[in-house]
Amino acid sequence: MTVQPMTREQAVANAIREISHIATLPEITLKIIELVESPNSTAQDLNKVISNDPALCSRILKVVNSAFYGLPGQIGSINRAIVLLGLNAVKNIAIAASLAKLFRGGSLTPDLSAKDLWNHSISTATACKMIADHLKVGFADECFLAGLIHDIGVIVEIQYDRHRLIEVVGRVKPDTNGIPTADWLEVEAEVFGATHQDFGQGLCEKWKFPKNFALVTGYHHRPLELAKELRTLVCIVHIADRIAAGVPGGFRLDVMSTDVDAAVLDELKLTSDAVEQIRQKLPDRVQEVMAMMG
């Protein structure tokens, strides 16, 4: 069943309007994004904002002292953390802390819960950072956050109309190994009039996220449809999503196969051997990140 573009746009607009109660980030997170995006901001400006939120202060100090960053010694000052991590990384930690709250909730069906989605999002984010580090692309923190938000469109669906999402899960019918027996995106388009890619992109645009993140949510299943200059981050997330789908206990209903398309690997000049190494190391790295995000 083909959905006309206007119908798809309307479906997204309706969903985003209906869930306006979740379609916002805490004021402090929005302020941090605004500061970091401004060319005139300094670490001191950011320090002033973050110091007003003790919970966020403790989260940033926990992250900066975690194995994830591998920095020497215990860092007890937010100002020092900002200087060591950089404004962008601190912005990403603030957004990640806000997102964690959206993924709380019970089981939707025996085959899907918000926790499964969060576990999968953390696995994908971790794999994104590992790929970025391997490729030495220089924006590994952005890759981590992109992986964390890539499936936010499914959270939109849970909030908007959980009964329709339960229908999608029922029609995809995972087998005993959790592998879907029907194409999730096709079923979503029939049931919702749009896919989680469309909903995720719509939410990122409403939140005024950088365009890169809207593209990640909107194209992570089809990165090569983007113009060449826009593909790198989305290709990294696409590959990480496939790798993470093979990790037990996460969400993988939207991927029929965990194989990575050779054309996407070529786009990044990434070898199959490198992907296999990341696949092997991922479970241990995810445990480190789970401890950091907890």
Protein backbone atom coordinates (compact mmCIF):
# COMPACT_ATOMS: atom_id res chain seq x y z
CA MET A 1 0.00 0.00 0.00
CA THR A 2 1.54 3.33 -1.08
CA VAL A 3 0.92 6.33 1.12
CA GLN A 4 0.66 9.64 -0.72
CA PRO A 5 3.19 12.29 0.44
CA MET A 6 0.49 14.63 1.76
CA THR A 7 -1.05 11.79 3.76
CA ARG A 8 2.34 10.94 5.23
CA GLU A 9 3.02 14.58 6.14
CA GLN A 10 -0.44 14.84 7.66
CA ALA A 11 0.09 11.66 9.71
CA VAL A 12 3.34 13.07 11.12
CA ALA A 13 1.82 16.50 11.82
CA ASN A 14 -1.14 14.89 13.64
CA ALA A 15 1.12 12.69 15.77
CA ILE A 16 3.50 15.50 16.74
CA ARG A 17 0.56 17.76 17.62
CA GLU A 18 -1.07 15.04 19.75
CA ILE A 19 2.08 14.31 21.75
CA SER A 20 3.04 17.91 22.42
CA HIS A 21 3.35 16.97 26.10
CA ILE A 22 6.46 14.89 25.32
CA ALA A 23 7.58 16.87 22.29
CA THR A 24 9.69 19.21 24.37
CA LEU A 25 13.01 19.05 26.15
CA PRO A 26 13.66 20.46 29.62
CA GLU A 27 14.26 24.21 29.53
CA ILE A 28 17.86 23.81 30.72
CA THR A 29 18.64 21.38 27.87
CA LEU A 30 17.19 23.81 25.30
CA LYS A 31 19.27 26.61 26.84
CA ILE A 32 22.42 24.47 26.61
CA ILE A 33 21.72 23.64 22.93
CA GLU A 34 21.17 27.35 22.21
CA LEU A 35 24.41 28.32 23.97
CA VAL A 36 26.53 25.69 22.24
CA GLU A 37 25.10 26.55 18.81
CA SER A 38 25.97 30.23 19.37
CA PRO A 39 29.46 31.16 18.10
CA ASN A 40 29.89 33.70 20.92
CA SER A 41 29.41 31.29 23.84
CA THR A 42 32.21 30.34 26.21
CA ALA A 43 32.79 27.46 28.62
CA GLN A 44 32.03 29.95 31.40
CA ASP A 45 28.55 30.68 29.96
CA LEU A 46 27.83 26.96 29.87
CA ASN A 47 29.16 26.47 33.40
CA LYS A 48 26.73 29.15 34.72
CA VAL A 49 23.70 27.36 33.20
CA ILE A 50 24.70 23.83 34.23
CA SER A 51 25.59 24.88 37.80
CA ASN A 52 21.88 25.66 38.36
CA ASP A 53 20.97 21.99 37.89
CA PRO A 54 22.56 19.70 40.52
CA ALA A 55 21.24 16.52 38.84
CA LEU A 56 22.82 17.50 35.52
CA CYS A 57 26.07 18.49 37.29
CA SER A 58 26.36 15.05 38.87
CA ARG A 59 25.51 13.35 35.54
CA ILE A 60 28.25 15.25 33.69
CA LEU A 61 30.83 14.50 36.40
CA LYS A 62 29.84 10.81 36.33
CA VAL A 63 30.29 10.71 32.55
CA VAL A 64 33.58 12.61 32.46
CA ASN A 65 35.01 10.25 35.10
CA SER A 66 33.76 7.09 33.37
CA ALA A 67 35.84 4.62 31.37
CA PHE A 68 33.98 5.89 28.29
CA TYR A 69 36.20 9.00 28.08
CA GLY A 70 39.35 7.46 29.59
CA LEU A 71 40.52 10.76 31.06
CA PRO A 72 43.18 10.69 33.79
CA GLY A 73 42.24 11.24 37.44
CA GLN A 74 39.01 12.19 39.15
CA ILE A 75 37.52 15.43 37.86
CA GLY A 76 35.38 17.21 40.46
CA SER A 77 34.76 20.56 38.78
CA ILE A 78 32.11 21.22 36.11
CA ASN A 79 34.28 23.94 34.60
CA ARG A 80 37.18 21.48 34.24
CA ALA A 81 34.81 18.87 32.76
CA ILE A 82 33.59 21.39 30.16
CA VAL A 83 37.15 22.35 29.26
CA LEU A 84 38.25 18.69 28.94
CA LEU A 85 35.17 17.42 27.10
CA GLY A 86 34.34 20.48 25.01
CA LEU A 87 31.03 22.33 24.77
CA ASN A 88 29.59 19.97 22.19
CA ALA A 89 30.15 16.84 24.27
CA VAL A 90 28.54 18.48 27.30
CA LYS A 91 25.54 19.46 25.17
CA ASN A 92 25.22 15.84 24.04
CA ILE A 93 25.35 14.55 27.64
CA ALA A 94 22.56 16.98 28.60
CA ILE A 95 20.39 15.80 25.70
CA ALA A 96 21.13 12.14 26.48
CA ALA A 97 20.09 12.67 30.13
CA SER A 98 16.80 14.22 28.95
CA LEU A 99 16.15 11.43 26.45
CA ALA A 100 16.59 8.70 29.06
CA LYS A 101 13.38 9.91 30.73
CA LEU A 102 11.38 9.45 27.51
CA PHE A 103 12.32 5.77 27.29
CA ARG A 104 10.90 4.90 30.70
CA GLY A 105 7.76 2.83 30.72
CA GLY A 106 6.48 -0.70 30.91
CA SER A 107 6.01 -3.35 28.28
CA LEU A 108 3.86 -2.58 25.29
CA THR A 109 3.59 -6.23 24.28
CA PRO A 110 5.68 -9.30 25.26
CA ASP A 111 7.80 -8.49 22.18
CA LEU A 112 8.37 -4.77 22.82
CA SER A 113 8.97 -2.47 25.78
CA ALA A 114 10.38 1.03 26.14
CA LYS A 115 13.33 -0.55 28.00
CA ASP A 116 14.10 -2.77 24.97
CA LEU A 117 14.20 0.39 22.86
CA TRP A 118 16.51 2.16 25.33
CA ASN A 119 18.87 -0.86 25.47
CA HIS A 120 18.95 -0.96 21.67
CA SER A 121 19.50 2.81 21.48
CA ILE A 122 22.46 2.59 23.88
CA SER A 123 23.91 -0.35 21.90
CA THR A 124 23.53 1.60 18.65
CA ALA A 125 25.04 4.75 20.18
CA THR A 126 28.01 2.75 21.51
CA ALA A 127 28.56 1.07 18.14
CA CYS A 128 28.36 4.52 16.47
CA LYS A 129 31.15 5.84 18.68
CA MET A 130 33.25 2.72 18.03
CA ILE A 131 32.82 3.14 14.26
CA ALA A 132 33.62 6.87 14.50
CA ASP A 133 36.74 6.17 16.56
CA HIS A 134 37.85 3.51 14.07
CA LEU A 135 37.31 5.87 11.11
CA LYS A 136 38.87 8.81 13.04
CA VAL A 137 36.08 11.09 11.81
CA GLY A 138 36.53 13.60 14.64
CA PHE A 139 32.89 13.86 15.76
CA ALA A 140 32.47 10.70 17.84
CA ASP A 141 30.30 12.42 20.48
CA GLU A 142 27.85 13.54 17.81
CA CYS A 143 27.80 9.97 16.45
CA PHE A 144 26.99 8.64 19.94
CA LEU A 145 24.02 10.99 20.34
CA ALA A 146 22.82 10.25 16.79
CA GLY A 147 22.73 6.55 17.66
CA LEU A 148 20.87 7.30 20.87
CA ILE A 149 18.06 9.17 19.09
CA HIS A 150 17.80 7.19 15.85
CA ASP A 151 14.62 5.28 16.87
CA ILE A 152 12.93 8.15 18.74
CA GLY A 153 10.12 7.86 16.18
CA VAL A 154 9.03 4.61 17.86
CA ILE A 155 8.64 6.55 21.14
CA VAL A 156 6.43 9.00 19.22
CA GLU A 157 4.31 6.04 18.09
CA ILE A 158 4.04 4.70 21.68
CA GLN A 159 2.91 8.11 22.94
CA TYR A 160 0.63 8.87 19.99
CA ASP A 161 -1.29 5.61 19.57
CA ARG A 162 0.02 2.55 21.38
CA HIS A 163 -2.84 0.40 20.04
CA ARG A 164 -1.68 0.95 16.47
CA LEU A 165 1.90 0.14 17.49
CA ILE A 166 0.69 -3.07 19.18
CA GLU A 167 -0.98 -3.91 15.84
CA VAL A 168 2.33 -3.31 14.02
CA VAL A 169 4.19 -5.61 16.43
CA GLY A 170 1.46 -8.25 16.05
CA ARG A 171 1.67 -8.17 12.26
CA VAL A 172 5.47 -8.28 12.21
CA LYS A 173 5.25 -11.49 14.32
CA PRO A 174 8.83 -12.11 15.53
CA ASP A 175 9.87 -15.76 15.40
CA THR A 176 11.38 -17.67 18.36
CA ASN A 177 14.73 -15.92 17.76
CA GLY A 178 13.09 -12.47 17.77
CA ILE A 179 13.55 -12.09 13.99
CA PRO A 180 10.61 -10.30 12.31
CA THR A 181 8.58 -12.28 9.78
CA ALA A 182 7.28 -9.18 7.98
CA ASP A 183 8.79 -5.81 7.03
CA TRP A 184 8.29 -3.40 9.96
CA LEU A 185 8.50 -0.25 7.80
CA GLU A 186 5.88 -1.50 5.34
CA VAL A 187 3.51 -2.49 8.16
CA GLU A 188 4.07 0.85 9.94
CA ALA A 189 3.25 2.77 6.75
CA GLU A 190 -0.01 0.82 6.41
CA VAL A 191 -1.06 1.16 10.06
CA PHE A 192 0.12 4.71 10.85
CA GLY A 193 0.30 6.27 7.38
CA ALA A 194 3.99 6.98 8.10
CA THR A 195 7.03 5.20 9.57
CA HIS A 196 9.09 5.77 12.71
CA GLN A 197 11.65 7.45 10.42
CA ASP A 198 9.04 10.08 9.47
CA PHE A 199 7.88 10.56 13.07
CA GLY A 200 11.46 10.80 14.35
CA GLN A 201 12.39 13.39 11.75
CA GLY A 202 9.25 15.38 12.58
CA LEU A 203 10.08 15.37 16.30
CA CYS A 204 13.70 16.44 15.71
CA GLU A 205 12.47 19.33 13.57
CA LYS A 206 10.00 20.37 16.29
CA TRP A 207 12.80 20.24 18.88
CA LYS A 208 14.98 22.34 16.54
CA PHE A 209 17.77 19.77 16.67
CA PRO A 210 20.68 20.25 14.24
CA LYS A 211 19.67 19.10 10.73
CA ASN A 212 22.08 16.14 10.92
CA PHE A 213 19.97 14.54 13.66
CA ALA A 214 16.73 14.99 11.74
CA LEU A 215 18.40 13.21 8.80
CA VAL A 216 19.61 10.36 11.05
CA THR A 217 16.11 9.72 12.42
CA GLY A 218 14.55 10.11 8.96
CA TYR A 219 16.99 8.08 6.85
CA HIS A 220 18.77 5.51 9.03
CA HIS A 221 17.15 2.65 7.08
CA ARG A 222 17.97 4.22 3.69
CA PRO A 223 21.13 6.36 4.00
CA LEU A 224 22.10 6.14 0.34
CA GLU A 225 18.94 8.04 -0.65
CA LEU A 226 20.57 11.18 0.76
CA ALA A 227 22.90 13.46 -1.22
CA LYS A 228 26.50 12.27 -0.91
CA GLU A 229 27.62 15.18 1.30
CA LEU A 230 24.89 14.37 3.87
CA ARG A 231 25.50 10.64 4.18
CA THR A 232 28.44 10.09 6.56
CA LEU A 233 26.68 10.33 9.95
CA VAL A 234 23.57 8.53 8.68
CA CYS A 235 25.67 5.68 7.22
CA ILE A 236 27.49 5.30 10.56
CA VAL A 237 24.14 5.03 12.37
CA HIS A 238 22.79 2.61 9.73
CA ILE A 239 25.73 0.24 10.24
CA ALA A 240 25.65 0.61 14.05
CA ASP A 241 21.90 -0.14 14.04
CA ARG A 242 22.55 -3.43 12.19
CA ILE A 243 25.40 -4.37 14.55
CA ALA A 244 23.31 -3.52 17.64
CA ALA A 245 20.35 -5.50 16.31
CA GLY A 246 22.46 -8.62 16.79
CA VAL A 247 22.98 -7.93 20.52
CA PRO A 248 20.58 -10.06 22.60
CA GLY A 249 17.87 -8.29 24.60
CA GLY A 250 17.41 -5.18 22.46
CA PHE A 251 14.88 -4.07 19.87
CA ARG A 252 15.38 -5.50 16.40
CA LEU A 253 11.89 -5.79 14.99
CA ASP A 254 12.53 -3.10 12.36
CA VAL A 255 15.46 -4.98 10.77
CA MET A 256 14.78 -8.11 8.74
CA SER A 257 18.51 -8.88 8.52
CA THR A 258 21.54 -7.76 10.55
CA ASP A 259 23.75 -7.99 7.44
CA VAL A 260 25.34 -4.67 6.46
CA ASP A 261 24.90 -3.51 2.86
CA ALA A 262 28.28 -3.54 1.07
CA ALA A 263 27.41 -0.24 -0.65
CA VAL A 264 27.05 1.48 2.76
CA LEU A 265 30.39 0.02 3.91
CA ASP A 266 32.00 1.32 0.70
CA GLU A 267 30.54 4.77 1.37
CA LEU A 268 32.54 4.94 4.63
CA LYS A 269 35.53 2.90 3.39
CA LEU A 270 34.80 0.51 6.28
CA THR A 271 35.84 -3.14 5.95
CA SER A 272 33.77 -6.18 6.91
CA ASP A 273 36.63 -7.18 9.25
CA ALA A 274 36.34 -3.87 11.12
CA VAL A 275 32.58 -4.37 11.48
CA GLU A 276 33.17 -7.88 12.85
CA GLN A 277 35.71 -6.59 15.40
CA ILE A 278 33.22 -3.95 16.58
CA ARG A 279 30.51 -6.62 16.76
CA GLN A 280 32.72 -8.77 19.00
CA LYS A 281 33.70 -5.93 21.36
CA LEU A 282 30.28 -4.27 21.54
CA PRO A 283 28.67 -6.22 24.44
CA ASP A 284 31.51 -5.29 26.85
CA ARG A 285 31.50 -1.64 25.75
CA VAL A 286 27.71 -1.49 26.15
CA GLN A 287 28.04 -2.62 29.77
CA GLU A 288 30.44 0.30 30.40
CA VAL A 289 28.05 2.77 28.79
CA MET A 290 25.01 1.36 30.64
CA ALA A 291 26.87 1.98 33.92
CA MET A 292 27.66 5.51 32.79
CA MET A 293 24.09 6.27 31.69
CA GLY A 294 22.47 4.68 34.74
